[in-house]
Amino acid sequence: MASSKEFLDFVLEQLSALPDIRYRAMMGEYIIYYRDKIIGGIYDNRLLLKPTASALKILPDAKMELPYNGGKPMLMVPDPENTELLIHLFNSIYHELPTKK
């Protein structure tokens, strides 16, 4: 099942206070970039993030879910309506992600 453009637009609006948020459509889903690093994506209308140490600490009870068959487990954001939480997550995760090759 592909993700809707409406859900993508909603998530982007929630993140509008952050600089350099962009996305790339890929096979009906969306990869989310923050300051040129892949931080997660939207899969089947779920916001999934890379499971870094800080993300797991901030969301200790969040489910790990597969973005697609054969994909690596990612952390599902249970409350994408919480703008403050999303901004905190993105800023925390960013520093743990590898630099662009």
N, C-alpha and C. Protein backbone atom coordinates (compact mmCIF):
# COMPACT_ATOMS: atom_id res chain seq x y z
N MET A 1 0.84 -1.18 0.00
CA MET A 1 0.00 0.00 0.00
C MET A 1 0.88 1.24 0.00
N ALA A 2 0.63 2.15 -0.88
CA ALA A 2 1.41 3.38 -0.99
C ALA A 2 0.93 4.40 0.04
N SER A 3 1.83 5.28 0.41
CA SER A 3 1.49 6.36 1.33
C SER A 3 0.81 7.50 0.56
N SER A 4 -0.03 8.23 1.25
CA SER A 4 -0.75 9.33 0.59
C SER A 4 0.08 10.61 0.64
N LYS A 5 -0.10 11.42 -0.38
CA LYS A 5 0.55 12.73 -0.42
C LYS A 5 0.02 13.60 0.73
N GLU A 6 -1.22 13.39 1.13
CA GLU A 6 -1.81 14.15 2.23
C GLU A 6 -1.07 13.88 3.54
N PHE A 7 -0.72 12.61 3.79
CA PHE A 7 0.02 12.29 5.02
C PHE A 7 1.42 12.90 4.96
N LEU A 8 2.06 12.82 3.81
CA LEU A 8 3.37 13.45 3.64
C LEU A 8 3.27 14.94 3.93
N ASP A 9 2.28 15.61 3.34
CA ASP A 9 2.11 17.05 3.56
C ASP A 9 1.88 17.37 5.03
N PHE A 10 1.12 16.52 5.72
CA PHE A 10 0.87 16.71 7.15
C PHE A 10 2.19 16.63 7.93
N VAL A 11 2.99 15.61 7.67
CA VAL A 11 4.27 15.45 8.38
C VAL A 11 5.20 16.62 8.06
N LEU A 12 5.26 17.02 6.80
CA LEU A 12 6.11 18.16 6.44
C LEU A 12 5.67 19.44 7.14
N GLU A 13 4.38 19.63 7.29
CA GLU A 13 3.86 20.79 8.02
C GLU A 13 4.29 20.72 9.50
N GLN A 14 4.23 19.53 10.08
CA GLN A 14 4.65 19.36 11.48
C GLN A 14 6.13 19.71 11.66
N LEU A 15 6.92 19.48 10.62
CA LEU A 15 8.36 19.71 10.67
C LEU A 15 8.79 21.05 10.09
N SER A 16 7.84 21.90 9.76
CA SER A 16 8.15 23.14 9.05
C SER A 16 9.06 24.09 9.82
N ALA A 17 9.17 23.94 11.12
CA ALA A 17 10.06 24.80 11.91
C ALA A 17 11.53 24.41 11.75
N LEU A 18 11.78 23.22 11.22
CA LEU A 18 13.16 22.76 11.03
C LEU A 18 13.69 23.20 9.67
N PRO A 19 14.97 23.55 9.62
CA PRO A 19 15.55 23.91 8.33
C PRO A 19 15.91 22.65 7.53
N ASP A 20 15.93 22.78 6.24
CA ASP A 20 16.47 21.74 5.36
C ASP A 20 15.78 20.37 5.46
N ILE A 21 14.47 20.36 5.58
CA ILE A 21 13.72 19.12 5.49
C ILE A 21 13.34 18.93 4.02
N ARG A 22 13.62 17.77 3.50
CA ARG A 22 13.19 17.48 2.13
C ARG A 22 12.81 16.01 2.05
N TYR A 23 12.24 15.63 0.95
CA TYR A 23 11.82 14.25 0.77
C TYR A 23 12.07 13.82 -0.66
N ARG A 24 12.05 12.52 -0.84
CA ARG A 24 12.17 11.95 -2.18
C ARG A 24 11.16 10.82 -2.29
N ALA A 25 10.34 10.88 -3.31
CA ALA A 25 9.37 9.81 -3.55
C ALA A 25 10.10 8.59 -4.08
N MET A 26 9.71 7.42 -3.56
CA MET A 26 10.33 6.19 -4.01
C MET A 26 9.32 5.05 -3.93
N MET A 27 8.87 4.61 -5.09
CA MET A 27 7.97 3.45 -5.18
C MET A 27 6.72 3.61 -4.30
N GLY A 28 6.11 4.76 -4.33
CA GLY A 28 4.88 5.00 -3.60
C GLY A 28 5.08 5.38 -2.14
N GLU A 29 6.31 5.49 -1.71
CA GLU A 29 6.64 5.88 -0.33
C GLU A 29 7.52 7.11 -0.40
N TYR A 30 7.93 7.63 0.78
CA TYR A 30 8.72 8.86 0.81
C TYR A 30 9.89 8.72 1.78
N ILE A 31 11.09 9.01 1.30
CA ILE A 31 12.29 9.04 2.14
C ILE A 31 12.39 10.47 2.67
N ILE A 32 12.62 10.63 3.97
CA ILE A 32 12.73 11.95 4.59
C ILE A 32 14.20 12.25 4.89
N TYR A 33 14.63 13.42 4.46
CA TYR A 33 16.00 13.89 4.71
C TYR A 33 15.94 15.09 5.65
N TYR A 34 16.91 15.12 6.56
CA TYR A 34 17.08 16.28 7.41
C TYR A 34 18.53 16.72 7.28
N ARG A 35 18.72 17.92 6.76
CA ARG A 35 20.06 18.46 6.53
C ARG A 35 20.93 17.46 5.77
N ASP A 36 20.35 16.92 4.71
CA ASP A 36 21.03 16.01 3.77
C ASP A 36 21.36 14.63 4.33
N LYS A 37 20.78 14.26 5.45
CA LYS A 37 20.95 12.90 5.97
C LYS A 37 19.58 12.21 5.98
N ILE A 38 19.57 10.94 5.58
CA ILE A 38 18.32 10.18 5.65
C ILE A 38 18.02 9.90 7.11
N ILE A 39 16.87 10.37 7.56
CA ILE A 39 16.48 10.23 8.96
C ILE A 39 15.36 9.22 9.14
N GLY A 40 14.63 8.97 8.05
CA GLY A 40 13.53 8.02 8.12
C GLY A 40 12.69 8.12 6.86
N GLY A 41 11.42 7.78 7.01
CA GLY A 41 10.55 7.85 5.85
C GLY A 41 9.10 7.63 6.23
N ILE A 42 8.27 7.77 5.22
CA ILE A 42 6.84 7.51 5.37
C ILE A 42 6.54 6.27 4.55
N TYR A 43 6.07 5.25 5.24
CA TYR A 43 5.77 3.95 4.64
C TYR A 43 4.38 3.54 5.08
N ASP A 44 3.51 3.28 4.12
CA ASP A 44 2.12 2.89 4.44
C ASP A 44 1.48 3.86 5.43
N ASN A 45 1.69 5.15 5.20
CA ASN A 45 1.16 6.22 6.06
C ASN A 45 1.59 6.08 7.52
N ARG A 46 2.82 5.61 7.72
CA ARG A 46 3.43 5.56 9.05
C ARG A 46 4.74 6.33 8.96
N LEU A 47 5.01 7.16 9.97
CA LEU A 47 6.29 7.85 10.04
C LEU A 47 7.25 6.95 10.79
N LEU A 48 8.27 6.46 10.07
CA LEU A 48 9.27 5.57 10.65
C LEU A 48 10.62 6.26 10.63
N LEU A 49 11.35 6.15 11.75
CA LEU A 49 12.65 6.79 11.88
C LEU A 49 13.73 5.76 12.14
N LYS A 50 14.96 6.14 11.83
CA LYS A 50 16.08 5.25 12.13
C LYS A 50 16.17 5.07 13.64
N PRO A 51 16.38 3.84 14.09
CA PRO A 51 16.37 3.57 15.53
C PRO A 51 17.72 3.86 16.20
N THR A 52 18.05 5.12 16.33
CA THR A 52 19.30 5.51 16.98
C THR A 52 19.13 5.40 18.50
N ALA A 53 20.23 5.49 19.22
CA ALA A 53 20.18 5.39 20.68
C ALA A 53 19.29 6.48 21.28
N SER A 54 19.40 7.70 20.77
CA SER A 54 18.59 8.78 21.34
C SER A 54 17.11 8.60 21.00
N ALA A 55 16.80 8.13 19.79
CA ALA A 55 15.40 7.89 19.42
C ALA A 55 14.79 6.83 20.32
N LEU A 56 15.53 5.77 20.60
CA LEU A 56 15.04 4.70 21.48
C LEU A 56 14.86 5.20 22.91
N LYS A 57 15.71 6.13 23.32
CA LYS A 57 15.59 6.70 24.65
C LYS A 57 14.37 7.62 24.75
N ILE A 58 14.14 8.42 23.71
CA ILE A 58 13.01 9.35 23.70
C ILE A 58 11.68 8.61 23.58
N LEU A 59 11.67 7.52 22.80
CA LEU A 59 10.44 6.75 22.56
C LEU A 59 10.65 5.29 22.99
N PRO A 60 10.84 5.05 24.28
CA PRO A 60 11.17 3.69 24.73
C PRO A 60 10.06 2.66 24.48
N ASP A 61 8.83 3.08 24.37
CA ASP A 61 7.72 2.14 24.18
C ASP A 61 7.24 2.06 22.73
N ALA A 62 7.90 2.77 21.83
CA ALA A 62 7.48 2.77 20.42
C ALA A 62 7.78 1.41 19.79
N LYS A 63 6.95 1.04 18.84
CA LYS A 63 7.12 -0.24 18.14
C LYS A 63 8.19 -0.12 17.06
N MET A 64 8.90 -1.23 16.88
CA MET A 64 9.81 -1.36 15.75
C MET A 64 9.01 -2.03 14.65
N GLU A 65 9.02 -1.44 13.46
CA GLU A 65 8.25 -1.98 12.35
C GLU A 65 9.10 -1.99 11.08
N LEU A 66 8.77 -2.91 10.19
CA LEU A 66 9.46 -2.98 8.91
C LEU A 66 8.84 -1.96 7.95
N PRO A 67 9.67 -1.19 7.27
CA PRO A 67 9.13 -0.23 6.31
C PRO A 67 8.51 -0.95 5.09
N TYR A 68 9.09 -2.07 4.73
CA TYR A 68 8.65 -2.89 3.60
C TYR A 68 9.26 -4.28 3.79
N ASN A 69 8.75 -5.26 3.06
CA ASN A 69 9.29 -6.61 3.17
C ASN A 69 10.77 -6.62 2.84
N GLY A 70 11.56 -7.17 3.74
CA GLY A 70 13.00 -7.23 3.54
C GLY A 70 13.75 -6.02 4.07
N GLY A 71 13.05 -5.00 4.54
CA GLY A 71 13.70 -3.81 5.06
C GLY A 71 14.16 -4.01 6.50
N LYS A 72 15.00 -3.11 6.95
CA LYS A 72 15.47 -3.14 8.34
C LYS A 72 14.42 -2.52 9.24
N PRO A 73 14.24 -3.05 10.45
CA PRO A 73 13.25 -2.46 11.37
C PRO A 73 13.56 -1.00 11.67
N MET A 74 12.49 -0.23 11.75
CA MET A 74 12.59 1.19 12.06
C MET A 74 11.62 1.51 13.18
N LEU A 75 11.84 2.63 13.81
CA LEU A 75 11.03 3.05 14.95
C LEU A 75 9.81 3.83 14.47
N MET A 76 8.63 3.34 14.82
CA MET A 76 7.40 4.02 14.40
C MET A 76 7.07 5.14 15.38
N VAL A 77 6.87 6.33 14.87
CA VAL A 77 6.50 7.47 15.70
C VAL A 77 5.01 7.32 16.03
N PRO A 78 4.68 7.13 17.31
CA PRO A 78 3.29 6.86 17.67
C PRO A 78 2.38 8.09 17.60
N ASP A 79 2.96 9.28 17.68
CA ASP A 79 2.15 10.49 17.75
C ASP A 79 2.72 11.57 16.83
N PRO A 80 2.55 11.41 15.50
CA PRO A 80 3.13 12.42 14.60
C PRO A 80 2.47 13.79 14.71
N GLU A 81 1.39 13.90 15.47
CA GLU A 81 0.74 15.20 15.68
C GLU A 81 1.51 16.06 16.66
N ASN A 82 2.39 15.47 17.44
CA ASN A 82 3.14 16.17 18.48
C ASN A 82 4.37 16.84 17.85
N THR A 83 4.20 18.07 17.43
CA THR A 83 5.26 18.81 16.74
C THR A 83 6.51 18.95 17.59
N GLU A 84 6.35 19.27 18.85
CA GLU A 84 7.49 19.45 19.75
C GLU A 84 8.31 18.17 19.85
N LEU A 85 7.64 17.04 19.97
CA LEU A 85 8.32 15.75 20.05
C LEU A 85 9.05 15.46 18.74
N LEU A 86 8.42 15.70 17.60
CA LEU A 86 9.06 15.44 16.31
C LEU A 86 10.33 16.26 16.14
N ILE A 87 10.25 17.52 16.48
CA ILE A 87 11.43 18.39 16.35
C ILE A 87 12.55 17.91 17.27
N HIS A 88 12.20 17.54 18.49
CA HIS A 88 13.19 17.00 19.43
C HIS A 88 13.82 15.72 18.88
N LEU A 89 12.99 14.82 18.35
CA LEU A 89 13.49 13.58 17.77
C LEU A 89 14.45 13.85 16.61
N PHE A 90 14.04 14.69 15.68
CA PHE A 90 14.88 14.95 14.51
C PHE A 90 16.21 15.57 14.91
N ASN A 91 16.19 16.52 15.83
CA ASN A 91 17.44 17.14 16.27
C ASN A 91 18.34 16.16 17.01
N SER A 92 17.76 15.26 17.77
CA SER A 92 18.55 14.27 18.51
C SER A 92 19.13 13.21 17.59
N ILE A 93 18.32 12.72 16.68
CA ILE A 93 18.75 11.66 15.77
C ILE A 93 19.82 12.16 14.80
N TYR A 94 19.67 13.38 14.34
CA TYR A 94 20.58 13.92 13.32
C TYR A 94 22.04 13.73 13.68
N HIS A 95 22.40 13.99 14.91
CA HIS A 95 23.81 13.94 15.32
C HIS A 95 24.35 12.51 15.38
N GLU A 96 23.47 11.53 15.37
CA GLU A 96 23.91 10.15 15.42
C GLU A 96 23.98 9.49 14.05
N LEU A 97 23.53 10.17 13.04
CA LEU A 97 23.52 9.60 11.69
C LEU A 97 24.86 9.82 11.01
N PRO A 98 25.27 8.88 10.18
CA PRO A 98 26.54 9.05 9.47
C PRO A 98 26.45 10.21 8.46
N THR A 99 27.59 10.79 8.18
CA THR A 99 27.62 11.87 7.21
C THR A 99 27.44 11.29 5.81
N LYS A 100 26.98 12.13 4.91
CA LYS A 100 26.72 11.71 3.53
C LYS A 100 28.01 11.27 2.86
N LYS A 101 27.95 10.17 2.13
CA LYS A 101 29.15 9.66 1.42
C LYS A 101 29.38 10.41 0.14
